[in-house]
N, C-alpha and C. Protein backbone atom coordinates (compact mmCIF):
# COMPACT_ATOMS: atom_id res chain seq x y z
N MET A 1 177.63 140.08 102.40
CA MET A 1 177.23 138.73 102.05
C MET A 1 176.99 137.92 103.33
N ASP A 2 175.86 137.25 103.39
CA ASP A 2 175.49 136.47 104.56
C ASP A 2 176.20 135.11 104.53
N ILE A 3 176.80 134.78 105.64
CA ILE A 3 177.45 133.48 105.77
C ILE A 3 176.38 132.45 106.07
N GLY A 4 176.44 131.28 105.43
CA GLY A 4 175.47 130.23 105.65
C GLY A 4 175.49 129.73 107.09
N ILE A 5 174.38 129.13 107.51
CA ILE A 5 174.25 128.67 108.90
C ILE A 5 175.29 127.62 109.25
N GLU A 6 175.64 126.75 108.32
CA GLU A 6 176.66 125.74 108.60
C GLU A 6 178.00 126.40 108.92
N SER A 7 178.33 127.44 108.18
CA SER A 7 179.59 128.17 108.42
C SER A 7 179.57 128.87 109.78
N LYS A 8 178.41 129.41 110.12
CA LYS A 8 178.29 130.09 111.42
C LYS A 8 178.42 129.09 112.57
N ILE A 9 177.77 127.94 112.42
CA ILE A 9 177.88 126.91 113.45
C ILE A 9 179.34 126.48 113.60
N LYS A 10 180.02 126.25 112.50
CA LYS A 10 181.44 125.86 112.52
C LYS A 10 182.28 126.94 113.19
N TYR A 11 181.99 128.20 112.90
CA TYR A 11 182.71 129.32 113.49
C TYR A 11 182.60 129.28 115.02
N TYR A 12 181.38 129.10 115.53
CA TYR A 12 181.20 129.07 116.99
C TYR A 12 181.76 127.78 117.60
N GLU A 13 181.65 126.68 116.90
CA GLU A 13 182.26 125.43 117.39
C GLU A 13 183.77 125.61 117.54
N ASP A 14 184.40 126.23 116.56
CA ASP A 14 185.85 126.47 116.62
C ASP A 14 186.21 127.39 117.79
N LYS A 15 185.39 128.41 118.03
CA LYS A 15 185.63 129.32 119.17
C LYS A 15 185.52 128.56 120.49
N ILE A 16 184.53 127.68 120.59
CA ILE A 16 184.34 126.90 121.82
C ILE A 16 185.53 125.98 122.04
N ILE A 17 185.94 125.27 121.01
CA ILE A 17 187.08 124.34 121.11
C ILE A 17 188.35 125.09 121.50
N ALA A 18 188.54 126.28 120.96
CA ALA A 18 189.74 127.07 121.25
C ALA A 18 189.66 127.78 122.60
N GLY A 19 188.53 127.66 123.28
CA GLY A 19 188.37 128.35 124.57
C GLY A 19 188.19 129.84 124.42
N GLU A 20 187.72 130.27 123.25
CA GLU A 20 187.56 131.69 122.97
C GLU A 20 186.10 132.12 122.91
N PHE A 21 185.22 131.28 123.43
CA PHE A 21 183.80 131.62 123.40
C PHE A 21 183.45 132.34 124.69
N ASN A 22 183.41 133.65 124.62
CA ASN A 22 183.08 134.49 125.78
C ASN A 22 181.85 135.31 125.43
N LEU A 23 180.86 135.21 126.25
CA LEU A 23 179.61 135.87 125.96
C LEU A 23 179.00 136.37 127.26
N GLU A 24 178.53 137.59 127.25
CA GLU A 24 177.83 138.12 128.42
C GLU A 24 176.37 138.29 128.08
N MET A 25 175.53 137.53 128.75
CA MET A 25 174.09 137.63 128.52
C MET A 25 173.57 138.82 129.32
N ARG A 26 173.02 139.78 128.63
CA ARG A 26 172.42 140.97 129.26
C ARG A 26 170.91 140.89 129.06
N PHE A 27 170.17 141.00 130.16
CA PHE A 27 168.73 140.83 130.11
C PHE A 27 168.00 142.15 130.29
N THR A 28 166.83 142.23 129.68
CA THR A 28 165.90 143.32 129.94
C THR A 28 165.12 142.93 131.18
N ASN A 29 165.23 143.71 132.25
CA ASN A 29 164.56 143.37 133.49
C ASN A 29 163.26 144.14 133.70
N SER A 30 163.03 145.15 132.91
CA SER A 30 161.81 145.95 133.02
C SER A 30 160.75 145.37 132.08
N ILE A 31 159.69 144.85 132.66
CA ILE A 31 158.64 144.23 131.85
C ILE A 31 158.08 145.22 130.83
N SER A 32 157.93 146.47 131.22
CA SER A 32 157.36 147.45 130.30
C SER A 32 158.25 147.72 129.09
N GLN A 33 159.54 147.39 129.19
CA GLN A 33 160.47 147.63 128.09
C GLN A 33 160.78 146.36 127.29
N MET A 34 160.11 145.26 127.58
CA MET A 34 160.38 144.01 126.87
C MET A 34 159.68 143.99 125.52
N PRO A 35 160.45 143.84 124.46
CA PRO A 35 159.85 143.78 123.13
C PRO A 35 159.29 142.39 122.84
N MET A 36 158.13 142.10 123.40
CA MET A 36 157.55 140.76 123.30
C MET A 36 157.30 140.34 121.85
N HIS A 37 157.15 141.29 120.96
CA HIS A 37 156.92 140.98 119.55
C HIS A 37 158.14 140.34 118.88
N LYS A 38 159.31 140.45 119.54
CA LYS A 38 160.52 139.86 118.97
C LYS A 38 160.68 138.38 119.31
N LEU A 39 159.85 137.86 120.18
CA LEU A 39 159.94 136.45 120.55
C LEU A 39 159.46 135.58 119.40
N ARG A 40 160.12 134.44 119.23
CA ARG A 40 159.68 133.49 118.20
C ARG A 40 158.36 132.85 118.59
N THR A 41 158.18 132.60 119.89
CA THR A 41 156.94 132.03 120.40
C THR A 41 156.01 133.19 120.75
N GLU A 42 154.80 133.15 120.24
CA GLU A 42 153.87 134.24 120.52
C GLU A 42 153.55 134.30 122.00
N PHE A 43 153.69 135.48 122.56
CA PHE A 43 153.40 135.68 123.98
C PHE A 43 151.92 136.06 124.07
N SER A 44 151.09 135.11 124.50
CA SER A 44 149.65 135.34 124.48
C SER A 44 149.10 135.78 125.83
N SER A 45 149.92 135.76 126.86
CA SER A 45 149.47 136.14 128.19
C SER A 45 149.48 137.66 128.35
N ASN A 46 148.85 138.11 129.39
CA ASN A 46 148.89 139.53 129.74
C ASN A 46 150.20 139.77 130.48
N ILE A 47 151.07 140.56 129.91
CA ILE A 47 152.40 140.80 130.50
C ILE A 47 152.30 141.36 131.92
N GLU A 48 151.20 142.02 132.23
CA GLU A 48 151.03 142.58 133.57
C GLU A 48 150.82 141.49 134.62
N ASP A 49 150.56 140.26 134.18
CA ASP A 49 150.39 139.13 135.10
C ASP A 49 151.72 138.49 135.48
N TYR A 50 152.83 139.07 135.02
CA TYR A 50 154.17 138.50 135.22
C TYR A 50 155.06 139.43 136.02
N GLU A 51 156.07 138.82 136.63
CA GLU A 51 157.15 139.55 137.27
C GLU A 51 158.47 138.93 136.84
N VAL A 52 159.52 139.73 136.91
CA VAL A 52 160.86 139.21 136.66
C VAL A 52 161.43 138.82 138.01
N LEU A 53 161.90 137.60 138.10
CA LEU A 53 162.45 137.09 139.35
C LEU A 53 163.79 136.42 139.06
N TYR A 54 164.80 136.76 139.84
CA TYR A 54 166.10 136.12 139.69
C TYR A 54 166.07 134.78 140.42
N LEU A 55 166.39 133.72 139.68
CA LEU A 55 166.35 132.37 140.22
C LEU A 55 167.67 131.66 139.96
N ASN A 56 167.91 130.62 140.75
CA ASN A 56 169.08 129.78 140.55
C ASN A 56 168.84 128.92 139.31
N VAL A 57 169.65 129.09 138.30
CA VAL A 57 169.46 128.40 137.02
C VAL A 57 169.47 126.89 137.19
N ASN A 58 170.38 126.36 137.98
CA ASN A 58 170.45 124.90 138.18
C ASN A 58 169.20 124.37 138.87
N LYS A 59 168.68 125.10 139.85
CA LYS A 59 167.46 124.66 140.53
C LYS A 59 166.27 124.67 139.58
N VAL A 60 166.22 125.68 138.71
CA VAL A 60 165.14 125.72 137.72
C VAL A 60 165.21 124.48 136.83
N VAL A 61 166.39 124.19 136.31
CA VAL A 61 166.56 123.05 135.40
C VAL A 61 166.20 121.74 136.10
N GLN A 62 166.57 121.60 137.36
CA GLN A 62 166.28 120.37 138.11
C GLN A 62 164.77 120.17 138.32
N GLN A 63 164.01 121.26 138.34
CA GLN A 63 162.57 121.17 138.60
C GLN A 63 161.71 121.16 137.33
N LEU A 64 162.35 121.16 136.16
CA LEU A 64 161.60 121.17 134.91
C LEU A 64 161.03 119.79 134.59
N GLU A 65 159.94 119.79 133.84
CA GLU A 65 159.37 118.53 133.36
C GLU A 65 160.34 117.85 132.40
N HIS A 66 160.18 116.58 132.21
CA HIS A 66 160.93 115.80 131.22
C HIS A 66 162.45 115.88 131.41
N ASP A 67 162.90 115.72 132.62
CA ASP A 67 164.34 115.61 132.90
C ASP A 67 165.15 116.77 132.35
N GLY A 68 165.02 117.91 132.99
CA GLY A 68 165.72 119.13 132.57
C GLY A 68 167.22 118.99 132.50
N GLU A 69 167.81 118.14 133.34
CA GLU A 69 169.26 117.96 133.33
C GLU A 69 169.74 117.40 131.99
N LYS A 70 168.96 116.52 131.39
CA LYS A 70 169.33 115.96 130.08
C LYS A 70 169.05 116.95 128.96
N ARG A 71 167.98 117.70 129.07
CA ARG A 71 167.61 118.68 128.04
C ARG A 71 168.54 119.87 128.03
N PHE A 72 169.07 120.23 129.19
CA PHE A 72 169.94 121.40 129.31
C PHE A 72 171.25 121.03 130.00
N PRO A 73 172.09 120.23 129.34
CA PRO A 73 173.35 119.82 129.97
C PRO A 73 174.26 121.03 130.19
N GLN A 74 175.01 120.98 131.29
CA GLN A 74 175.80 122.14 131.67
C GLN A 74 177.06 122.32 130.83
N ASN A 75 177.61 121.28 130.30
CA ASN A 75 178.89 121.39 129.60
C ASN A 75 178.79 121.21 128.09
N THR A 76 177.58 121.24 127.56
CA THR A 76 177.39 121.04 126.13
C THR A 76 176.46 122.12 125.60
N LEU A 77 176.83 122.71 124.50
CA LEU A 77 175.98 123.70 123.85
C LEU A 77 175.62 123.15 122.47
N PHE A 78 174.34 122.91 122.27
CA PHE A 78 173.87 122.43 120.98
C PHE A 78 173.68 123.62 120.06
N LEU A 79 174.50 123.68 119.04
CA LEU A 79 174.45 124.81 118.11
C LEU A 79 173.54 124.48 116.93
N ASP A 80 172.44 125.19 116.85
CA ASP A 80 171.55 125.11 115.70
C ASP A 80 171.29 126.55 115.25
N HIS A 81 170.47 126.74 114.26
CA HIS A 81 170.29 128.10 113.75
C HIS A 81 169.63 129.02 114.78
N PHE A 82 168.81 128.47 115.68
CA PHE A 82 168.19 129.31 116.71
C PHE A 82 169.25 129.77 117.73
N THR A 83 170.12 128.85 118.14
CA THR A 83 171.17 129.21 119.10
C THR A 83 172.14 130.21 118.48
N VAL A 84 172.51 129.98 117.23
CA VAL A 84 173.42 130.92 116.54
C VAL A 84 172.78 132.30 116.44
N SER A 85 171.50 132.36 116.10
CA SER A 85 170.80 133.65 116.03
C SER A 85 170.78 134.34 117.38
N LEU A 86 170.57 133.57 118.45
CA LEU A 86 170.57 134.13 119.79
C LEU A 86 171.96 134.67 120.15
N ILE A 87 173.00 133.92 119.85
CA ILE A 87 174.37 134.37 120.12
C ILE A 87 174.67 135.65 119.36
N GLU A 88 174.30 135.70 118.10
CA GLU A 88 174.54 136.90 117.30
C GLU A 88 173.77 138.10 117.85
N PHE A 89 172.55 137.87 118.31
CA PHE A 89 171.74 138.93 118.91
C PHE A 89 172.43 139.47 120.16
N ILE A 90 172.93 138.58 121.01
CA ILE A 90 173.62 138.98 122.24
C ILE A 90 174.91 139.72 121.90
N GLU A 91 175.66 139.20 120.93
CA GLU A 91 176.91 139.84 120.54
C GLU A 91 176.70 141.24 119.96
N SER A 92 175.51 141.50 119.43
CA SER A 92 175.22 142.82 118.88
C SER A 92 175.01 143.86 119.97
N GLY A 93 174.95 143.41 121.23
CA GLY A 93 174.78 144.33 122.35
C GLY A 93 173.35 144.45 122.84
N GLU A 94 172.45 143.77 122.17
CA GLU A 94 171.04 143.82 122.56
C GLU A 94 170.82 143.08 123.88
N LYS A 95 169.87 143.57 124.64
CA LYS A 95 169.44 142.86 125.84
C LYS A 95 168.37 141.86 125.43
N ILE A 96 168.35 140.74 126.13
CA ILE A 96 167.39 139.70 125.79
C ILE A 96 166.29 139.61 126.86
N ILE A 97 165.17 139.06 126.46
CA ILE A 97 164.04 138.86 127.36
C ILE A 97 164.29 137.60 128.17
N PRO A 98 164.05 137.63 129.48
CA PRO A 98 164.25 136.41 130.28
C PRO A 98 163.33 135.28 129.82
N PRO A 99 163.76 134.04 130.04
CA PRO A 99 162.90 132.90 129.71
C PRO A 99 161.62 132.94 130.54
N GLU A 100 160.56 132.40 129.97
CA GLU A 100 159.27 132.33 130.67
C GLU A 100 159.04 130.90 131.12
N ILE A 101 158.84 130.73 132.43
CA ILE A 101 158.51 129.41 132.98
C ILE A 101 157.22 129.51 133.78
N VAL A 102 156.45 128.44 133.80
CA VAL A 102 155.20 128.40 134.55
C VAL A 102 155.15 127.11 135.37
N TYR A 103 154.41 127.18 136.47
CA TYR A 103 154.24 126.04 137.36
C TYR A 103 152.98 125.29 136.94
N ILE A 104 153.11 124.00 136.65
CA ILE A 104 152.01 123.19 136.12
C ILE A 104 151.50 122.21 137.18
N LYS A 105 150.22 122.31 137.46
CA LYS A 105 149.51 121.34 138.32
C LYS A 105 150.20 121.14 139.67
N ASN A 106 150.84 122.17 140.16
CA ASN A 106 151.54 122.09 141.45
C ASN A 106 152.52 120.93 141.51
N VAL A 107 153.11 120.57 140.36
CA VAL A 107 154.01 119.43 140.31
C VAL A 107 155.37 119.79 139.72
N TYR A 108 155.40 120.49 138.61
CA TYR A 108 156.66 120.75 137.91
C TYR A 108 156.60 122.09 137.19
N TRP A 109 157.78 122.54 136.78
CA TRP A 109 157.91 123.77 136.01
C TRP A 109 158.05 123.45 134.54
N LYS A 110 157.53 124.31 133.70
CA LYS A 110 157.59 124.12 132.26
C LYS A 110 158.11 125.40 131.60
N VAL A 111 158.99 125.24 130.61
CA VAL A 111 159.49 126.39 129.85
C VAL A 111 158.48 126.68 128.76
N LEU A 112 157.86 127.86 128.82
CA LEU A 112 156.95 128.25 127.74
C LEU A 112 157.71 128.95 126.62
N ASP A 113 158.74 129.67 126.97
CA ASP A 113 159.55 130.35 125.97
C ASP A 113 160.94 130.56 126.56
N GLY A 114 161.98 130.18 125.80
CA GLY A 114 163.33 130.46 126.26
C GLY A 114 164.23 129.25 126.40
N GLN A 115 163.93 128.16 125.72
CA GLN A 115 164.77 126.97 125.86
C GLN A 115 166.21 127.23 125.43
N HIS A 116 166.41 127.96 124.35
CA HIS A 116 167.77 128.25 123.90
C HIS A 116 168.49 129.20 124.86
N ARG A 117 167.74 130.11 125.47
CA ARG A 117 168.35 131.01 126.47
C ARG A 117 168.78 130.23 127.69
N ILE A 118 167.95 129.28 128.14
CA ILE A 118 168.32 128.46 129.30
C ILE A 118 169.52 127.58 128.96
N SER A 119 169.53 127.01 127.78
CA SER A 119 170.67 126.19 127.35
C SER A 119 171.96 127.01 127.39
N LEU A 120 171.89 128.23 126.91
CA LEU A 120 173.06 129.10 126.91
C LEU A 120 173.45 129.50 128.34
N MET A 121 172.47 129.76 129.18
CA MET A 121 172.75 130.07 130.59
C MET A 121 173.52 128.93 131.25
N ARG A 122 173.07 127.71 131.00
CA ARG A 122 173.72 126.55 131.60
C ARG A 122 175.14 126.40 131.08
N TYR A 123 175.30 126.55 129.78
CA TYR A 123 176.63 126.39 129.19
C TYR A 123 177.60 127.45 129.74
N LEU A 124 177.10 128.66 129.90
CA LEU A 124 177.94 129.75 130.42
C LEU A 124 178.07 129.71 131.95
N LYS A 125 177.40 128.73 132.55
CA LYS A 125 177.46 128.51 134.00
C LYS A 125 176.97 129.72 134.80
N LEU A 126 175.88 130.34 134.33
CA LEU A 126 175.27 131.42 135.10
C LEU A 126 174.64 130.81 136.35
N GLU A 127 174.93 131.38 137.48
CA GLU A 127 174.36 130.86 138.72
C GLU A 127 172.93 131.33 138.91
N ASN A 128 172.72 132.62 138.78
CA ASN A 128 171.39 133.21 138.93
C ASN A 128 171.09 134.03 137.68
N ALA A 129 169.83 134.00 137.28
CA ALA A 129 169.42 134.74 136.09
C ALA A 129 167.94 135.10 136.22
N PRO A 130 167.52 136.10 135.47
CA PRO A 130 166.11 136.48 135.54
C PRO A 130 165.22 135.54 134.73
N PHE A 131 164.02 135.34 135.25
CA PHE A 131 163.00 134.54 134.58
C PHE A 131 161.69 135.31 134.66
N LEU A 132 160.86 135.16 133.65
CA LEU A 132 159.50 135.69 133.69
C LEU A 132 158.63 134.66 134.39
N ILE A 133 157.99 135.09 135.47
CA ILE A 133 157.17 134.20 136.29
C ILE A 133 155.78 134.82 136.43
N ARG A 134 154.74 133.99 136.25
CA ARG A 134 153.38 134.49 136.50
C ARG A 134 153.27 134.84 137.98
N LYS A 135 152.59 135.92 138.27
CA LYS A 135 152.41 136.34 139.66
C LYS A 135 151.74 135.24 140.48
N SER A 136 150.87 134.47 139.85
CA SER A 136 150.20 133.38 140.57
C SER A 136 151.15 132.24 140.93
N ASP A 137 152.34 132.21 140.32
CA ASP A 137 153.33 131.16 140.60
C ASP A 137 154.45 131.62 141.53
N LEU A 138 154.40 132.87 141.98
CA LEU A 138 155.51 133.42 142.76
C LEU A 138 155.80 132.63 144.04
N ASN A 139 154.78 132.18 144.74
CA ASN A 139 155.02 131.43 145.98
C ASN A 139 155.78 130.15 145.69
N ASN A 140 155.48 129.47 144.61
CA ASN A 140 156.16 128.24 144.26
C ASN A 140 157.59 128.50 143.78
N ALA A 141 157.84 129.69 143.29
CA ALA A 141 159.18 130.03 142.77
C ALA A 141 160.19 130.24 143.89
N GLU A 142 159.75 130.41 145.09
CA GLU A 142 160.67 130.63 146.22
C GLU A 142 161.68 129.48 146.33
N GLU A 143 161.25 128.26 146.02
CA GLU A 143 162.14 127.10 146.13
C GLU A 143 163.23 127.10 145.06
N LEU A 144 163.12 128.00 144.07
CA LEU A 144 164.08 128.04 142.97
C LEU A 144 165.13 129.14 143.13
N LYS A 145 165.08 129.83 144.24
CA LYS A 145 166.04 130.92 144.47
C LYS A 145 167.36 130.38 144.94
């Protein structure tokens, strides 16, 4: 029997309050092995135009459009059905696809896919994590290491 989303959210809220929320995010780092069809957002780019690059999560958030610090607070995890599904996926032992970010107009970074993953990274205080970066943006990504 499937537990309703409200019950699942309450379950994880209780774990967080009790200090029992421990989660290890495991990422797929090989682009050829990434199941892009599993993403909620359709991946329309050519995957061969991307590389996986380990970046400083806090630097990425600071450089995002629309005040990334407010959108991805470090000490708060917003639990909705997407976040709960992501947590359950991770708890099942599956590896996740890194978030996809792109550099826009040589001014700021934008999350194309992976907002819930970044939110979870921040909450878990991951220092460095993999991101999908377009090869054309690699030079600009150096500042995010």
